[in-house]
Amino acid sequence: MVAKEKQLKEIERLLNIMDELREKCPWDKKQTFETLRHLTIEETYELADAILENDLEEIKKELGDLLLHIVFYAKIGSETNSFDIGDVASSISEKLIHRHPHIYGNVEVADEEEVKRNWEKLKLKEGKTSVLEGVPKSLPALVKASRIQEKVAGVGFDWEEPQQVWEKVQEELTELNEEVKNGNKDHIEAEFGDVLFSMINYARFIGVNPENALERTNKKFTNRFQYLEKAAKENNKALSDMSLEEMDVFWEASKKYFK
């Protein structure tokens, strides 16, 4: 109980600081929902980076930055009597209670998958006309594809076995290859999108987060390429003057270095 009291005291301290900043700081006074939006997105990505690095100290700091944004939005909302931080907390609390009848009601569930299916059914009962309404339009395409597939799977629109999905991937690759041969750029793009969509779906079936997987490869490539740049510089060579065979020597060395 002492720990919770301390936590609530720190939240209260943050709310008081926000009140003072909104009243006295020229920059904070000028902010609106719209001006904060892109900053919030940036902070979210910084948190995501810290999570991938498994840097707990940095995760703590980035969570603080995001919490500040939530408090800031709530403060702006309170100035027009639209909502305040209490309303925000109440709203999510009520939603959580409503969507967890297996905890706060008499519904029984067998596993995590049944919880997800019930979650989507409850959303439809709340007035949503489509299970896909909850997928933000501004999400990056890869993340959006993953969320779309999770949503429709939640109401039973899904493959039964991973092998079926893999066969779909192979089918889409064949169709892409045919369009590449035909040379129609519009058709190539459409088929390439189908390949990516099916690969993201396959990732779900084999328990891989496609966003994390791709970012892992991005980081691996970046580390190896920067090793290549450093090695070339140490050998008084410029990458632009080197042949692919020469660069490949350092590239292979980078694989061993980061193994």
Protein backbone atom coordinates (compact mmCIF):
# COMPACT_ATOMS: atom_id res chain seq x y z
CA MET A 1 0.00 0.00 0.00
CA VAL A 2 2.91 2.33 0.76
CA ALA A 3 4.24 1.82 -2.77
CA LYS A 4 0.87 2.72 -4.30
CA GLU A 5 0.62 5.85 -2.16
CA LYS A 6 4.06 6.92 -3.37
CA GLN A 7 3.03 6.28 -6.99
CA LEU A 8 -0.13 8.35 -6.61
CA LYS A 9 1.87 11.14 -5.00
CA GLU A 10 4.24 11.24 -7.97
CA ILE A 11 1.30 11.33 -10.40
CA GLU A 12 -0.17 14.24 -8.43
CA ARG A 13 3.21 16.00 -8.59
CA LEU A 14 3.28 15.61 -12.39
CA LEU A 15 -0.25 17.00 -12.68
CA ASN A 16 0.75 20.04 -10.60
CA ILE A 17 3.85 20.60 -12.76
CA MET A 18 1.70 20.41 -15.88
CA ASP A 19 -0.67 23.04 -14.45
CA GLU A 20 2.27 25.37 -13.79
CA LEU A 21 3.85 24.86 -17.20
CA ARG A 22 0.57 25.47 -19.00
CA GLU A 23 0.14 28.70 -17.06
CA LYS A 24 3.69 30.07 -17.10
CA CYS A 25 5.78 28.54 -19.91
CA PRO A 26 5.46 30.33 -23.32
CA TRP A 27 6.05 27.09 -25.26
CA ASP A 28 3.65 24.95 -23.21
CA LYS A 29 0.96 27.64 -23.44
CA LYS A 30 0.94 27.48 -27.24
CA GLN A 31 0.56 23.70 -27.62
CA THR A 32 -2.60 22.10 -28.99
CA PHE A 33 -3.70 18.53 -29.77
CA GLU A 34 -2.47 19.05 -33.32
CA THR A 35 0.97 20.45 -32.43
CA LEU A 36 1.63 17.64 -29.94
CA ARG A 37 0.51 14.85 -32.28
CA HIS A 38 3.75 14.38 -34.26
CA LEU A 39 5.80 14.68 -31.06
CA THR A 40 3.75 11.90 -29.46
CA ILE A 41 4.37 9.66 -32.46
CA GLU A 42 8.10 10.38 -32.20
CA GLU A 43 8.12 9.56 -28.47
CA THR A 44 6.30 6.29 -29.17
CA TYR A 45 8.98 5.25 -31.64
CA GLU A 46 11.70 6.18 -29.15
CA LEU A 47 10.01 3.91 -26.60
CA ALA A 48 9.86 1.15 -29.21
CA ASP A 49 13.60 1.55 -29.84
CA ALA A 50 14.36 1.29 -26.12
CA ILE A 51 12.26 -1.87 -25.88
CA LEU A 52 14.12 -3.48 -28.78
CA GLU A 53 17.42 -2.58 -27.08
CA ASN A 54 16.07 -4.01 -23.81
CA ASP A 55 17.38 -0.85 -22.12
CA LEU A 56 15.26 -0.72 -18.97
CA GLU A 57 16.54 2.67 -17.86
CA GLU A 58 15.72 4.15 -21.25
CA ILE A 59 12.30 2.43 -21.26
CA LYS A 60 11.55 4.13 -17.95
CA LYS A 61 12.52 7.54 -19.36
CA GLU A 62 10.54 7.10 -22.58
CA LEU A 63 7.47 5.95 -20.64
CA GLY A 64 7.81 9.17 -18.66
CA ASP A 65 7.83 11.18 -21.88
CA LEU A 66 4.69 9.41 -23.08
CA LEU A 67 3.00 9.90 -19.71
CA LEU A 68 3.75 13.61 -19.97
CA HIS A 69 1.98 13.68 -23.33
CA ILE A 70 -1.09 11.95 -21.88
CA VAL A 71 -1.21 14.45 -19.02
CA PHE A 72 -0.69 17.30 -21.50
CA TYR A 73 -3.60 16.20 -23.71
CA ALA A 74 -5.80 15.80 -20.65
CA LYS A 75 -4.86 19.28 -19.43
CA ILE A 76 -5.80 20.79 -22.81
CA GLY A 77 -9.09 18.86 -22.72
CA SER A 78 -9.87 20.19 -19.26
CA GLU A 79 -9.51 23.80 -20.42
CA THR A 80 -12.65 23.48 -22.53
CA ASN A 81 -14.39 21.27 -19.96
CA SER A 82 -14.28 18.41 -22.49
CA PHE A 83 -12.44 15.92 -20.25
CA ASP A 84 -9.68 15.77 -17.68
CA ILE A 85 -7.17 13.14 -16.53
CA GLY A 86 -9.79 11.63 -14.22
CA ASP A 87 -12.16 11.14 -17.14
CA VAL A 88 -9.35 9.55 -19.15
CA ALA A 89 -8.54 7.10 -16.36
CA SER A 90 -12.23 6.37 -15.74
CA SER A 91 -12.85 5.73 -19.42
CA ILE A 92 -10.14 3.11 -19.75
CA SER A 93 -11.05 1.51 -16.42
CA GLU A 94 -14.67 1.08 -17.49
CA LYS A 95 -13.58 -0.31 -20.86
CA LEU A 96 -11.24 -2.84 -19.22
CA ILE A 97 -13.93 -4.03 -16.84
CA HIS A 98 -16.48 -4.34 -19.65
CA ARG A 99 -14.09 -6.22 -21.94
CA HIS A 100 -12.90 -8.65 -19.28
CA PRO A 101 -16.13 -10.41 -18.24
CA HIS A 102 -14.01 -13.49 -17.47
CA ILE A 103 -12.47 -11.45 -14.63
CA TYR A 104 -15.26 -9.07 -13.62
CA GLY A 105 -18.25 -11.18 -14.63
CA ASN A 106 -19.32 -14.80 -14.88
CA VAL A 107 -17.89 -15.63 -18.33
CA GLU A 108 -15.42 -18.53 -18.50
CA VAL A 109 -12.60 -18.73 -21.04
CA ALA A 110 -10.28 -21.59 -21.91
CA ASP A 111 -7.25 -19.66 -23.14
CA GLU A 112 -5.79 -16.44 -24.54
CA GLU A 113 -7.33 -17.01 -27.98
CA GLU A 114 -10.83 -17.16 -26.53
CA VAL A 115 -10.16 -13.92 -24.66
CA LYS A 116 -9.26 -12.25 -27.97
CA ARG A 117 -12.36 -13.57 -29.72
CA ASN A 118 -14.60 -12.31 -26.90
CA TRP A 119 -12.83 -8.94 -27.04
CA GLU A 120 -13.74 -8.46 -30.71
CA LYS A 121 -17.35 -9.59 -30.16
CA LEU A 122 -17.74 -7.09 -27.33
CA LYS A 123 -16.44 -4.30 -29.56
CA LEU A 124 -19.15 -5.05 -32.13
CA LYS A 125 -21.78 -4.98 -29.38
CA GLU A 126 -20.50 -1.52 -28.40
CA GLY A 127 -21.69 -0.18 -31.75
CA LYS A 128 -18.77 -0.75 -34.09
CA THR A 129 -19.92 -1.88 -37.53
CA SER A 130 -16.65 -3.60 -38.44
CA VAL A 131 -13.92 -5.39 -36.53
CA LEU A 132 -11.46 -3.38 -38.63
CA GLU A 133 -12.66 -0.02 -37.33
CA GLY A 134 -10.10 -0.22 -34.54
CA VAL A 135 -7.14 -0.30 -36.93
CA PRO A 136 -5.75 3.27 -37.20
CA LYS A 137 -5.53 4.53 -40.77
CA SER A 138 -2.19 6.21 -40.12
CA LEU A 139 -0.41 3.06 -38.95
CA PRO A 140 2.67 2.08 -40.99
CA ALA A 141 1.60 -0.44 -43.63
CA LEU A 142 3.48 -3.41 -42.16
CA VAL A 143 2.03 -2.90 -38.68
CA LYS A 144 -1.40 -2.24 -40.16
CA ALA A 145 -1.34 -5.51 -42.12
CA SER A 146 -0.47 -7.40 -38.95
CA ARG A 147 -3.28 -5.77 -36.97
CA ILE A 148 -5.82 -6.38 -39.77
CA GLN A 149 -4.96 -10.08 -39.78
CA GLU A 150 -5.17 -10.32 -36.00
CA LYS A 151 -8.56 -8.58 -36.01
CA VAL A 152 -10.21 -10.80 -38.62
CA ALA A 153 -8.69 -13.91 -37.04
CA GLY A 154 -10.36 -12.85 -33.80
CA VAL A 155 -13.77 -13.48 -35.35
CA GLY A 156 -12.79 -16.76 -37.00
CA PHE A 157 -11.73 -15.57 -40.48
CA ASP A 158 -8.45 -17.43 -40.58
CA TRP A 159 -6.45 -20.32 -41.94
CA GLU A 160 -6.38 -23.56 -40.00
CA GLU A 161 -2.73 -24.60 -40.36
CA PRO A 162 0.60 -22.79 -40.92
CA GLN A 163 1.25 -24.99 -43.95
CA GLN A 164 -1.82 -23.53 -45.68
CA VAL A 165 -0.46 -20.03 -45.18
CA TRP A 166 2.97 -21.04 -46.45
CA GLU A 167 1.35 -22.49 -49.58
CA LYS A 168 -0.39 -19.14 -50.04
CA VAL A 169 2.99 -17.40 -49.79
CA GLN A 170 4.33 -19.70 -52.52
CA GLU A 171 1.27 -18.99 -54.67
CA GLU A 172 1.72 -15.23 -54.30
CA LEU A 173 5.44 -15.49 -55.13
CA THR A 174 4.59 -17.38 -58.32
CA GLU A 175 2.07 -14.71 -59.31
CA LEU A 176 4.62 -11.96 -58.59
CA ASN A 177 7.21 -13.72 -60.72
CA GLU A 178 4.74 -13.91 -63.61
CA GLU A 179 3.98 -10.20 -63.40
CA VAL A 180 7.70 -9.35 -63.26
CA LYS A 181 8.09 -11.27 -66.53
CA ASN A 182 5.15 -9.38 -68.02
CA GLY A 183 6.68 -6.06 -66.98
CA ASN A 184 3.49 -4.27 -65.92
CA LYS A 185 4.60 -2.02 -63.01
CA ASP A 186 1.11 -1.60 -61.57
CA HIS A 187 0.49 -5.36 -61.53
CA ILE A 188 3.97 -5.99 -60.10
CA GLU A 189 3.29 -3.60 -57.22
CA ALA A 190 -0.08 -5.23 -56.51
CA GLU A 191 1.42 -8.73 -56.45
CA PHE A 192 4.38 -7.58 -54.37
CA GLY A 193 1.88 -6.24 -51.82
CA ASP A 194 0.13 -9.63 -51.81
CA VAL A 195 3.46 -11.35 -51.11
CA LEU A 196 4.19 -9.04 -48.17
CA PHE A 197 0.67 -9.45 -46.79
CA SER A 198 0.89 -13.25 -46.97
CA MET A 199 4.35 -13.26 -45.39
CA ILE A 200 3.11 -11.12 -42.51
CA ASN A 201 0.23 -13.54 -42.05
CA TYR A 202 2.65 -16.49 -42.04
CA ALA A 203 4.73 -14.72 -39.40
CA ARG A 204 1.68 -14.69 -37.12
CA PHE A 205 1.22 -18.43 -37.57
CA ILE A 206 4.81 -19.24 -36.64
CA GLY A 207 4.83 -16.87 -33.67
CA VAL A 208 7.01 -14.11 -35.14
CA ASN A 209 6.30 -10.38 -34.82
CA PRO A 210 7.06 -9.13 -38.36
CA GLU A 211 7.85 -5.58 -37.26
CA ASN A 212 10.38 -6.82 -34.69
CA ALA A 213 11.83 -9.29 -37.16
CA LEU A 214 12.36 -6.67 -39.85
CA GLU A 215 13.80 -4.15 -37.41
CA ARG A 216 16.18 -6.84 -36.15
CA THR A 217 17.40 -7.34 -39.72
CA ASN A 218 17.65 -3.56 -40.22
CA LYS A 219 19.90 -3.31 -37.18
CA LYS A 220 21.97 -6.31 -38.26
CA PHE A 221 22.53 -4.84 -41.72
CA THR A 222 23.34 -1.40 -40.27
CA ASN A 223 25.94 -2.85 -37.88
CA ARG A 224 27.57 -4.87 -40.63
CA PHE A 225 27.61 -1.99 -43.11
CA GLN A 226 29.09 0.40 -40.55
CA TYR A 227 31.75 -2.22 -39.82
CA LEU A 228 32.46 -2.29 -43.56
CA GLU A 229 32.77 1.51 -43.66
CA LYS A 230 35.12 1.52 -40.66
CA ALA A 231 37.28 -1.29 -42.06
CA ALA A 232 37.57 0.45 -45.42
CA LYS A 233 38.60 3.70 -43.74
CA GLU A 234 41.22 1.91 -41.64
CA ASN A 235 42.65 0.52 -44.89
CA ASN A 236 42.65 4.01 -46.45
CA LYS A 237 40.00 3.04 -48.97
CA ALA A 238 36.79 4.75 -50.05
CA LEU A 239 33.76 2.52 -50.58
CA SER A 240 32.94 4.35 -53.81
CA ASP A 241 36.34 3.31 -55.21
CA MET A 242 36.13 -0.33 -54.13
CA SER A 243 34.83 -3.23 -56.19
CA LEU A 244 32.04 -5.43 -54.87
CA GLU A 245 34.57 -8.24 -54.43
CA GLU A 246 36.75 -6.00 -52.22
CA MET A 247 33.78 -4.88 -50.15
CA ASP A 248 32.59 -8.47 -49.78
CA VAL A 249 35.82 -9.33 -47.92
CA PHE A 250 35.00 -6.81 -45.20
CA TRP A 251 31.31 -7.78 -45.29
CA GLU A 252 32.15 -11.41 -44.53
CA ALA A 253 34.46 -10.25 -41.75
CA SER A 254 31.59 -8.23 -40.26
CA LYS A 255 29.43 -11.37 -40.10
CA LYS A 256 32.08 -13.10 -38.00
CA TYR A 257 32.58 -10.00 -35.86
CA PHE A 258 28.88 -9.71 -34.91
CA LYS A 259 28.19 -13.43 -34.69
